[in-house]
């Protein structure tokens, strides 16, 4: 095992532990606490996306003025997106989707470059954030812990297997570090999480297949974010989280899995899978 391959492991573990403590506390508390955390994550992701799509301005009065306007626009989109996710559980069901689409609509007026791409991203991320709030509130703590463990297992297994085993790359032009060995290891780890809930939590056997499907969706979210960063010419979405980059770098898989879960829930009775 090469130390160079795992040189960032200590920082990643420390940051991951801090995020896990905050996340687990919010998941346990549920309600407004968890909705606030989801809103904060969505808002931060929108801010990062806006910053990546907005080129830095030259110095001088005009550059400073443009920079101030861009910060205000990015902040407005982040605040609206986070607020929409937080408030989605408080409004009538018929108003949820229009509320969540407000950041995407506002971006058409505020974003100068790549506005359609940003609008699509804003809509998907807001829906994903709502999916997490909905899962915790309407299906329960066990379901939320299961989803989190599926995404974490996918990421951790992919990280270690990819660096230890190497092998053919998944999509080298977009994400040169991701390997097929890490990808398959993620599926196996997610399936093991599902099997654990079946064996010890009384969940239905169908949860294993759903776990693998969500692992795949998490990987799609991860690769999609890599494509966004490559287009923007950046390594990380930001430097907010030591060892992990930005919020998008850490939660891209969760966004993908949450979106997939919203679709899967239309066909699979998740409460039944959890014995509800």
C-alpha atoms as a PDB file:
ATOM      1  CA  UNK A   1       0.000   0.000   0.000  1.00  0.00           C
ATOM      2  CA  UNK A   2       1.604   3.241  -1.101  1.00  0.00           C
ATOM      3  CA  UNK A   3       1.591   6.190   1.339  1.00  0.00           C
ATOM      4  CA  UNK A   4       1.347   8.565  -1.612  1.00  0.00           C
ATOM      5  CA  UNK A   5      -1.981   7.132  -2.635  1.00  0.00           C
ATOM      6  CA  UNK A   6      -3.429   7.809   0.818  1.00  0.00           C
ATOM      7  CA  UNK A   7      -1.551  10.992   1.678  1.00  0.00           C
ATOM      8  CA  UNK A   8      -4.744  12.966   2.236  1.00  0.00           C
ATOM      9  CA  UNK A   9      -6.424  10.284   4.326  1.00  0.00           C
ATOM     10  CA  UNK A  10      -5.848  11.921   7.741  1.00  0.00           C
ATOM     11  CA  UNK A  11      -7.414  15.237   6.739  1.00  0.00           C
ATOM     12  CA  UNK A  12     -10.271  13.476   4.959  1.00  0.00           C
ATOM     13  CA  UNK A  13     -11.034  11.350   8.017  1.00  0.00           C
ATOM     14  CA  UNK A  14     -10.981  14.323  10.407  1.00  0.00           C
ATOM     15  CA  UNK A  15     -13.253  16.423   8.200  1.00  0.00           C
ATOM     16  CA  UNK A  16     -15.481  13.442   7.531  1.00  0.00           C
ATOM     17  CA  UNK A  17     -15.829  12.741  11.240  1.00  0.00           C
ATOM     18  CA  UNK A  18     -16.845  16.348  11.930  1.00  0.00           C
ATOM     19  CA  UNK A  19     -19.411  16.269   9.112  1.00  0.00           C
ATOM     20  CA  UNK A  20     -20.707  12.924  10.342  1.00  0.00           C
ATOM     21  CA  UNK A  21     -21.272  14.264  13.850  1.00  0.00           C
ATOM     22  CA  UNK A  22     -23.195  17.274  12.577  1.00  0.00           C
ATOM     23  CA  UNK A  23     -25.133  15.193  10.072  1.00  0.00           C
ATOM     24  CA  UNK A  24     -26.030  12.448  12.520  1.00  0.00           C
ATOM     25  CA  UNK A  25     -27.164  15.003  15.072  1.00  0.00           C
ATOM     26  CA  UNK A  26     -29.442  16.694  12.540  1.00  0.00           C
ATOM     27  CA  UNK A  27     -30.752  13.358  11.240  1.00  0.00           C
ATOM     28  CA  UNK A  28     -31.518  12.227  14.791  1.00  0.00           C
ATOM     29  CA  UNK A  29     -33.263  15.496  15.645  1.00  0.00           C
ATOM     30  CA  UNK A  30     -35.244  15.551  12.394  1.00  0.00           C
ATOM     31  CA  UNK A  31     -37.841  18.234  11.818  1.00  0.00           C
ATOM     32  CA  UNK A  32     -36.644  21.791  11.406  1.00  0.00           C
ATOM     33  CA  UNK A  33     -33.054  20.912  12.343  1.00  0.00           C
ATOM     34  CA  UNK A  34     -32.657  18.439   9.530  1.00  0.00           C
ATOM     35  CA  UNK A  35     -34.544  20.635   7.063  1.00  0.00           C
ATOM     36  CA  UNK A  36     -32.202  23.508   7.965  1.00  0.00           C
ATOM     37  CA  UNK A  37     -29.133  21.345   7.335  1.00  0.00           C
ATOM     38  CA  UNK A  38     -30.490  20.228   3.952  1.00  0.00           C
ATOM     39  CA  UNK A  39     -31.265  23.834   3.051  1.00  0.00           C
ATOM     40  CA  UNK A  40     -27.746  24.888   4.053  1.00  0.00           C
ATOM     41  CA  UNK A  41     -26.179  22.157   1.902  1.00  0.00           C
ATOM     42  CA  UNK A  42     -28.338  23.042  -1.122  1.00  0.00           C
ATOM     43  CA  UNK A  43     -27.603  26.739  -0.718  1.00  0.00           C
ATOM     44  CA  UNK A  44     -23.852  26.096  -0.500  1.00  0.00           C
ATOM     45  CA  UNK A  45     -23.963  23.899  -3.609  1.00  0.00           C
ATOM     46  CA  UNK A  46     -25.756  26.630  -5.572  1.00  0.00           C
ATOM     47  CA  UNK A  47     -23.211  29.205  -4.419  1.00  0.00           C
ATOM     48  CA  UNK A  48     -20.348  26.951  -5.530  1.00  0.00           C
ATOM     49  CA  UNK A  49     -21.956  26.276  -8.893  1.00  0.00           C
ATOM     50  CA  UNK A  50     -22.462  29.994  -9.485  1.00  0.00           C
ATOM     51  CA  UNK A  51     -18.850  30.749  -8.516  1.00  0.00           C
ATOM     52  CA  UNK A  52     -17.528  28.072 -10.885  1.00  0.00           C
ATOM     53  CA  UNK A  53     -19.563  29.426 -13.783  1.00  0.00           C
ATOM     54  CA  UNK A  54     -18.708  33.062 -13.104  1.00  0.00           C
ATOM     55  CA  UNK A  55     -15.171  33.967 -14.236  1.00  0.00           C
ATOM     56  CA  UNK A  56     -13.028  36.120 -11.965  1.00  0.00           C
ATOM     57  CA  UNK A  57     -12.998  39.811 -12.870  1.00  0.00           C
ATOM     58  CA  UNK A  58      -9.958  42.003 -13.411  1.00  0.00           C
ATOM     59  CA  UNK A  59      -9.088  44.621 -10.829  1.00  0.00           C
ATOM     60  CA  UNK A  60     -10.148  48.242 -10.925  1.00  0.00           C
ATOM     61  CA  UNK A  61     -13.453  49.980 -10.281  1.00  0.00           C
ATOM     62  CA  UNK A  62     -15.417  48.077 -12.929  1.00  0.00           C
ATOM     63  CA  UNK A  63     -13.987  44.750 -11.840  1.00  0.00           C
ATOM     64  CA  UNK A  64     -14.806  45.438  -8.187  1.00  0.00           C
ATOM     65  CA  UNK A  65     -18.335  46.495  -9.121  1.00  0.00           C
ATOM     66  CA  UNK A  66     -18.872  43.352 -11.203  1.00  0.00           C
ATOM     67  CA  UNK A  67     -17.408  41.216  -8.438  1.00  0.00           C
ATOM     68  CA  UNK A  68     -19.797  42.730  -5.913  1.00  0.00           C
ATOM     69  CA  UNK A  69     -22.763  42.140  -8.192  1.00  0.00           C
ATOM     70  CA  UNK A  70     -21.752  38.547  -8.770  1.00  0.00           C
ATOM     71  CA  UNK A  71     -21.390  37.895  -5.050  1.00  0.00           C
ATOM     72  CA  UNK A  72     -24.845  39.356  -4.497  1.00  0.00           C
ATOM     73  CA  UNK A  73     -26.338  37.240  -7.288  1.00  0.00           C
ATOM     74  CA  UNK A  74     -24.685  34.081  -6.022  1.00  0.00           C
ATOM     75  CA  UNK A  75     -25.788  34.840  -2.487  1.00  0.00           C
ATOM     76  CA  UNK A  76     -29.378  35.494  -3.586  1.00  0.00           C
ATOM     77  CA  UNK A  77     -29.559  32.185  -5.464  1.00  0.00           C
ATOM     78  CA  UNK A  78     -28.033  30.305  -2.529  1.00  0.00           C
ATOM     79  CA  UNK A  79     -30.420  31.906  -0.032  1.00  0.00           C
ATOM     80  CA  UNK A  80     -33.468  31.253  -2.196  1.00  0.00           C
ATOM     81  CA  UNK A  81     -32.485  27.634  -2.858  1.00  0.00           C
ATOM     82  CA  UNK A  82     -31.763  26.884   0.783  1.00  0.00           C
ATOM     83  CA  UNK A  83     -34.897  28.674   1.923  1.00  0.00           C
ATOM     84  CA  UNK A  84     -37.051  26.810  -0.590  1.00  0.00           C
ATOM     85  CA  UNK A  85     -35.813  23.439   0.660  1.00  0.00           C
ATOM     86  CA  UNK A  86     -36.381  24.448   4.276  1.00  0.00           C
ATOM     87  CA  UNK A  87     -39.895  25.767   3.583  1.00  0.00           C
ATOM     88  CA  UNK A  88     -40.992  22.925   1.277  1.00  0.00           C
ATOM     89  CA  UNK A  89     -42.192  20.864   4.224  1.00  0.00           C
ATOM     90  CA  UNK A  90     -44.296  23.723   5.535  1.00  0.00           C
ATOM     91  CA  UNK A  91     -46.380  24.547   2.459  1.00  0.00           C
ATOM     92  CA  UNK A  92     -49.310  22.637   0.909  1.00  0.00           C
ATOM     93  CA  UNK A  93     -48.306  19.708  -1.294  1.00  0.00           C
ATOM     94  CA  UNK A  94     -49.443  21.491  -4.458  1.00  0.00           C
ATOM     95  CA  UNK A  95     -47.004  24.333  -3.776  1.00  0.00           C
ATOM     96  CA  UNK A  96     -43.905  22.209  -3.153  1.00  0.00           C
ATOM     97  CA  UNK A  97     -42.647  21.822  -6.732  1.00  0.00           C
ATOM     98  CA  UNK A  98     -43.272  25.473  -7.733  1.00  0.00           C
ATOM     99  CA  UNK A  99     -41.421  26.566  -4.606  1.00  0.00           C
ATOM    100  CA  UNK A 100     -38.462  24.316  -5.338  1.00  0.00           C
ATOM    101  CA  UNK A 101     -38.269  25.566  -8.943  1.00  0.00           C
ATOM    102  CA  UNK A 102     -38.003  29.238  -7.919  1.00  0.00           C
ATOM    103  CA  UNK A 103     -34.159  29.207  -7.728  1.00  0.00           C
ATOM    104  CA  UNK A 104     -33.987  27.752 -11.249  1.00  0.00           C
ATOM    105  CA  UNK A 105     -36.323  30.433 -12.574  1.00  0.00           C
ATOM    106  CA  UNK A 106     -34.420  33.220 -10.820  1.00  0.00           C
ATOM    107  CA  UNK A 107     -31.149  31.918 -12.252  1.00  0.00           C
ATOM    108  CA  UNK A 108     -32.429  32.572 -15.771  1.00  0.00           C
ATOM    109  CA  UNK A 109     -32.382  36.268 -14.904  1.00  0.00           C
ATOM    110  CA  UNK A 110     -29.236  36.395 -12.742  1.00  0.00           C
ATOM    111  CA  UNK A 111     -26.805  33.968 -14.375  1.00  0.00           C
ATOM    112  CA  UNK A 112     -24.928  35.386 -17.341  1.00  0.00           C
ATOM    113  CA  UNK A 113     -23.038  32.359 -18.699  1.00  0.00           C
ATOM    114  CA  UNK A 114     -24.439  28.852 -18.891  1.00  0.00           C
ATOM    115  CA  UNK A 115     -27.821  29.888 -17.491  1.00  0.00           C
ATOM    116  CA  UNK A 116     -29.651  26.812 -18.817  1.00  0.00           C
ATOM    117  CA  UNK A 117     -27.058  24.510 -17.303  1.00  0.00           C
ATOM    118  CA  UNK A 118     -27.286  26.341 -14.005  1.00  0.00           C
ATOM    119  CA  UNK A 119     -31.094  26.325 -14.051  1.00  0.00           C
ATOM    120  CA  UNK A 120     -31.142  22.568 -14.571  1.00  0.00           C
ATOM    121  CA  UNK A 121     -28.630  22.074 -11.781  1.00  0.00           C
ATOM    122  CA  UNK A 122     -30.595  24.350  -9.427  1.00  0.00           C
ATOM    123  CA  UNK A 123     -33.829  22.455 -10.066  1.00  0.00           C
ATOM    124  CA  UNK A 124     -32.245  19.030  -9.525  1.00  0.00           C
ATOM    125  CA  UNK A 125     -30.353  20.013  -6.379  1.00  0.00           C
ATOM    126  CA  UNK A 126     -33.427  21.619  -4.811  1.00  0.00           C
ATOM    127  CA  UNK A 127     -35.487  18.511  -5.564  1.00  0.00           C
ATOM    128  CA  UNK A 128     -32.745  16.330  -4.079  1.00  0.00           C
ATOM    129  CA  UNK A 129     -32.682  18.413  -0.913  1.00  0.00           C
ATOM    130  CA  UNK A 130     -36.444  18.112  -0.601  1.00  0.00           C
ATOM    131  CA  UNK A 131     -36.143  14.357  -1.177  1.00  0.00           C
ATOM    132  CA  UNK A 132     -33.907  14.081   1.884  1.00  0.00           C
ATOM    133  CA  UNK A 133     -36.288  16.114   4.042  1.00  0.00           C
ATOM    134  CA  UNK A 134     -39.224  14.041   2.816  1.00  0.00           C
ATOM    135  CA  UNK A 135     -37.433  10.754   3.498  1.00  0.00           C
ATOM    136  CA  UNK A 136     -36.623  11.710   7.095  1.00  0.00           C
ATOM    137  CA  UNK A 137     -40.037  13.195   7.870  1.00  0.00           C
ATOM    138  CA  UNK A 138     -42.352  10.746   6.125  1.00  0.00           C
ATOM    139  CA  UNK A 139     -40.505   7.413   6.142  1.00  0.00           C
ATOM    140  CA  UNK A 140     -38.374   7.688   9.225  1.00  0.00           C
ATOM    141  CA  UNK A 141     -34.984   7.747  10.885  1.00  0.00           C
ATOM    142  CA  UNK A 142     -34.028   4.223   9.822  1.00  0.00           C
ATOM    143  CA  UNK A 143     -34.626   5.011   6.154  1.00  0.00           C
ATOM    144  CA  UNK A 144     -32.501   8.153   6.335  1.00  0.00           C
ATOM    145  CA  UNK A 145     -29.665   6.301   8.056  1.00  0.00           C
ATOM    146  CA  UNK A 146     -29.884   3.573   5.416  1.00  0.00           C
ATOM    147  CA  UNK A 147     -29.550   6.105   2.577  1.00  0.00           C
ATOM    148  CA  UNK A 148     -26.622   7.839   4.267  1.00  0.00           C
ATOM    149  CA  UNK A 149     -24.845   4.525   4.846  1.00  0.00           C
ATOM    150  CA  UNK A 150     -25.395   3.466   1.221  1.00  0.00           C
ATOM    151  CA  UNK A 151     -23.798   6.666  -0.066  1.00  0.00           C
ATOM    152  CA  UNK A 152     -20.939   6.597   2.456  1.00  0.00           C
ATOM    153  CA  UNK A 153     -20.238   2.905   1.778  1.00  0.00           C
ATOM    154  CA  UNK A 154     -20.199   3.568  -1.962  1.00  0.00           C
ATOM    155  CA  UNK A 155     -17.741   6.428  -1.534  1.00  0.00           C
ATOM    156  CA  UNK A 156     -15.437   4.716   0.982  1.00  0.00           C
ATOM    157  CA  UNK A 157     -15.319   1.384  -0.870  1.00  0.00           C
ATOM    158  CA  UNK A 158     -14.691   3.176  -4.148  1.00  0.00           C
ATOM    159  CA  UNK A 159     -11.913   5.266  -2.603  1.00  0.00           C
ATOM    160  CA  UNK A 160      -9.995   2.356  -1.106  1.00  0.00           C
ATOM    161  CA  UNK A 161     -10.604  -0.182  -3.876  1.00  0.00           C
ATOM    162  CA  UNK A 162      -9.778   2.323  -6.588  1.00  0.00           C
ATOM    163  CA  UNK A 163      -6.462   3.277  -5.014  1.00  0.00           C
ATOM    164  CA  UNK A 164      -5.494  -0.198  -3.831  1.00  0.00           C
ATOM    165  CA  UNK A 165      -6.548  -2.171  -6.906  1.00  0.00           C
ATOM    166  CA  UNK A 166      -6.404   0.408  -9.694  1.00  0.00           C
ATOM    167  CA  UNK A 167      -7.213  -0.985 -13.103  1.00  0.00           C
ATOM    168  CA  UNK A 168      -9.230   0.378 -16.040  1.00  0.00           C
ATOM    169  CA  UNK A 169     -10.674   3.860 -15.671  1.00  0.00           C
ATOM    170  CA  UNK A 170     -14.414   4.423 -15.635  1.00  0.00           C
ATOM    171  CA  UNK A 171     -14.403   7.644 -17.692  1.00  0.00           C
ATOM    172  CA  UNK A 172     -10.844   9.000 -17.858  1.00  0.00           C
ATOM    173  CA  UNK A 173     -11.663  12.057 -19.949  1.00  0.00           C
ATOM    174  CA  UNK A 174     -14.005  13.396 -17.259  1.00  0.00           C
ATOM    175  CA  UNK A 175     -12.837  11.774 -14.025  1.00  0.00           C
ATOM    176  CA  UNK A 176      -9.317  10.333 -14.419  1.00  0.00           C
ATOM    177  CA  UNK A 177      -9.099   8.880 -10.883  1.00  0.00           C
ATOM    178  CA  UNK A 178     -12.282   6.785 -10.936  1.00  0.00           C
ATOM    179  CA  UNK A 179     -11.777   3.122 -11.775  1.00  0.00           C
ATOM    180  CA  UNK A 180     -14.060   0.223 -12.541  1.00  0.00           C
ATOM    181  CA  UNK A 181     -12.680  -1.592  -9.509  1.00  0.00           C
ATOM    182  CA  UNK A 182     -13.799   1.254  -7.254  1.00  0.00           C
ATOM    183  CA  UNK A 183     -17.153   1.454  -9.017  1.00  0.00           C
ATOM    184  CA  UNK A 184     -17.947  -2.234  -8.553  1.00  0.00           C
ATOM    185  CA  UNK A 185     -16.667  -2.142  -4.971  1.00  0.00           C
ATOM    186  CA  UNK A 186     -19.158   0.654  -4.314  1.00  0.00           C
ATOM    187  CA  UNK A 187     -22.025  -1.485  -5.611  1.00  0.00           C
ATOM    188  CA  UNK A 188     -20.972  -4.419  -3.431  1.00  0.00           C
ATOM    189  CA  UNK A 189     -20.626  -2.237  -0.353  1.00  0.00           C
ATOM    190  CA  UNK A 190     -24.055  -0.689  -0.904  1.00  0.00           C
ATOM    191  CA  UNK A 191     -25.580  -4.130  -1.351  1.00  0.00           C
ATOM    192  CA  UNK A 192     -23.954  -5.179   1.923  1.00  0.00           C
ATOM    193  CA  UNK A 193     -25.571  -2.203   3.674  1.00  0.00           C
ATOM    194  CA  UNK A 194     -28.949  -3.239   2.311  1.00  0.00           C
ATOM    195  CA  UNK A 195     -28.327  -6.836   3.397  1.00  0.00           C
ATOM    196  CA  UNK A 196     -27.478  -5.614   6.873  1.00  0.00           C
ATOM    197  CA  UNK A 197     -30.801  -3.813   7.179  1.00  0.00           C
ATOM    198  CA  UNK A 198     -32.551  -6.944   5.942  1.00  0.00           C
ATOM    199  CA  UNK A 199     -30.754  -9.211   8.411  1.00  0.00           C
ATOM    200  CA  UNK A 200     -30.815  -7.056  11.519  1.00  0.00           C
ATOM    201  CA  UNK A 201     -33.409  -4.392  10.893  1.00  0.00           C
ATOM    202  CA  UNK A 202     -36.286  -6.486   9.578  1.00  0.00           C
ATOM    203  CA  UNK A 203     -36.357  -4.739   6.191  1.00  0.00           C
ATOM    204  CA  UNK A 204     -37.631  -6.480   3.063  1.00  0.00           C
ATOM    205  CA  UNK A 205     -35.181  -8.280   0.779  1.00  0.00           C
ATOM    206  CA  UNK A 206     -35.941  -5.831  -2.037  1.00  0.00           C
ATOM    207  CA  UNK A 207     -33.920  -3.253  -0.126  1.00  0.00           C
ATOM    208  CA  UNK A 208     -30.702  -4.889  -1.356  1.00  0.00           C
ATOM    209  CA  UNK A 209     -31.526  -4.188  -4.994  1.00  0.00           C
ATOM    210  CA  UNK A 210     -32.672  -0.644  -4.186  1.00  0.00           C
ATOM    211  CA  UNK A 211     -29.399  -0.076  -2.309  1.00  0.00           C
ATOM    212  CA  UNK A 212     -27.348  -1.070  -5.354  1.00  0.00           C
ATOM    213  CA  UNK A 213     -29.487   1.152  -7.595  1.00  0.00           C
ATOM    214  CA  UNK A 214     -28.917   4.113  -5.283  1.00  0.00           C
ATOM    215  CA  UNK A 215     -25.187   3.361  -5.264  1.00  0.00           C
ATOM    216  CA  UNK A 216     -25.210   3.652  -9.046  1.00  0.00           C
ATOM    217  CA  UNK A 217     -27.170   6.911  -8.827  1.00  0.00           C
ATOM    218  CA  UNK A 218     -24.674   8.270  -6.303  1.00  0.00           C
ATOM    219  CA  UNK A 219     -21.841   7.450  -8.715  1.00  0.00           C
ATOM    220  CA  UNK A 220     -23.696   9.197 -11.548  1.00  0.00           C
ATOM    221  CA  UNK A 221     -23.974  12.265  -9.322  1.00  0.00           C
ATOM    222  CA  UNK A 222     -20.260  12.072  -8.578  1.00  0.00           C
ATOM    223  CA  UNK A 223     -19.241  11.768 -12.235  1.00  0.00           C
ATOM    224  CA  UNK A 224     -21.674  14.522 -13.256  1.00  0.00           C
ATOM    225  CA  UNK A 225     -20.057  16.882 -10.783  1.00  0.00           C
ATOM    226  CA  UNK A 226     -16.651  15.926 -12.164  1.00  0.00           C
ATOM    227  CA  UNK A 227     -17.871  16.917 -15.622  1.00  0.00           C
ATOM    228  CA  UNK A 228     -19.058  20.283 -14.273  1.00  0.00           C
ATOM    229  CA  UNK A 229     -15.672  20.934 -12.664  1.00  0.00           C
ATOM    230  CA  UNK A 230     -13.794  19.914 -15.796  1.00  0.00           C
ATOM    231  CA  UNK A 231     -15.873  22.343 -17.852  1.00  0.00           C
ATOM    232  CA  UNK A 232     -15.122  25.084 -15.308  1.00  0.00           C
ATOM    233  CA  UNK A 233     -11.420  24.164 -15.216  1.00  0.00           C
ATOM    234  CA  UNK A 234     -11.251  23.638 -11.438  1.00  0.00           C
ATOM    235  CA  UNK A 235     -10.112  20.712  -9.277  1.00  0.00           C
ATOM    236  CA  UNK A 236     -12.606  21.239  -6.431  1.00  0.00           C
ATOM    237  CA  UNK A 237     -15.961  22.995  -6.312  1.00  0.00           C
ATOM    238  CA  UNK A 238     -14.552  25.163  -3.480  1.00  0.00           C
ATOM    239  CA  UNK A 239     -12.253  24.846  -0.462  1.00  0.00           C
ATOM    240  CA  UNK A 240     -14.948  24.863   2.225  1.00  0.00           C
ATOM    241  CA  UNK A 241     -14.228  21.344   3.556  1.00  0.00           C
ATOM    242  CA  UNK A 242     -10.553  20.429   4.232  1.00  0.00           C
ATOM    243  CA  UNK A 243      -9.558  17.224   2.473  1.00  0.00           C
ATOM    244  CA  UNK A 244     -12.829  17.035   0.562  1.00  0.00           C
ATOM    245  CA  UNK A 245     -12.973  20.292  -1.410  1.00  0.00           C
ATOM    246  CA  UNK A 246     -16.414  21.845  -1.479  1.00  0.00           C
ATOM    247  CA  UNK A 247     -19.948  20.932  -0.541  1.00  0.00           C
ATOM    248  CA  UNK A 248     -20.651  19.668  -4.065  1.00  0.00           C
ATOM    249  CA  UNK A 249     -17.555  17.460  -3.863  1.00  0.00           C
ATOM    250  CA  UNK A 250     -18.864  15.860  -0.685  1.00  0.00           C
ATOM    251  CA  UNK A 251     -22.607  15.715  -1.394  1.00  0.00           C
ATOM    252  CA  UNK A 252     -22.738  15.048  -5.147  1.00  0.00           C
ATOM    253  CA  UNK A 253     -23.378  11.376  -4.498  1.00  0.00           C
ATOM    254  CA  UNK A 254     -26.079  12.121  -1.941  1.00  0.00           C
ATOM    255  CA  UNK A 255     -27.807  14.449  -4.394  1.00  0.00           C
ATOM    256  CA  UNK A 256     -27.794  11.739  -7.061  1.00  0.00           C
ATOM    257  CA  UNK A 257     -29.088   9.081  -4.669  1.00  0.00           C
ATOM    258  CA  UNK A 258     -31.815  11.339  -3.261  1.00  0.00           C
ATOM    259  CA  UNK A 259     -33.072  12.192  -6.744  1.00  0.00           C
ATOM    260  CA  UNK A 260     -33.128   8.518  -7.701  1.00  0.00           C
ATOM    261  CA  UNK A 261     -34.997   7.709  -4.510  1.00  0.00           C
ATOM    262  CA  UNK A 262     -37.732  10.196  -5.392  1.00  0.00           C
ATOM    263  CA  UNK A 263     -38.231   8.275  -8.656  1.00  0.00           C
ATOM    264  CA  UNK A 264     -37.898   4.807  -7.124  1.00  0.00           C
ATOM    265  CA  UNK A 265     -40.416   5.670  -4.444  1.00  0.00           C
ATOM    266  CA  UNK A 266     -43.079   5.992  -7.133  1.00  0.00           C
ATOM    267  CA  UNK A 267     -42.621   2.291  -7.954  1.00  0.00           C
ATOM    268  CA  UNK A 268     -41.462   0.785  -4.632  1.00  0.00           C
ATOM    269  CA  UNK A 269     -43.229   1.155  -1.306  1.00  0.00           C
ATOM    270  CA  UNK A 270     -40.296   2.184   0.872  1.00  0.00           C
ATOM    271  CA  UNK A 271     -42.237   2.015   4.156  1.00  0.00           C
ATOM    272  CA  UNK A 272     -43.083  -1.604   3.318  1.00  0.00           C
ATOM    273  CA  UNK A 273     -39.400  -2.343   2.729  1.00  0.00           C
ATOM    274  CA  UNK A 274     -38.700  -1.001   6.220  1.00  0.00           C
ATOM    275  CA  UNK A 275     -41.563  -2.928   7.775  1.00  0.00           C
ATOM    276  CA  UNK A 276     -43.922   0.059   7.817  1.00  0.00           C
END
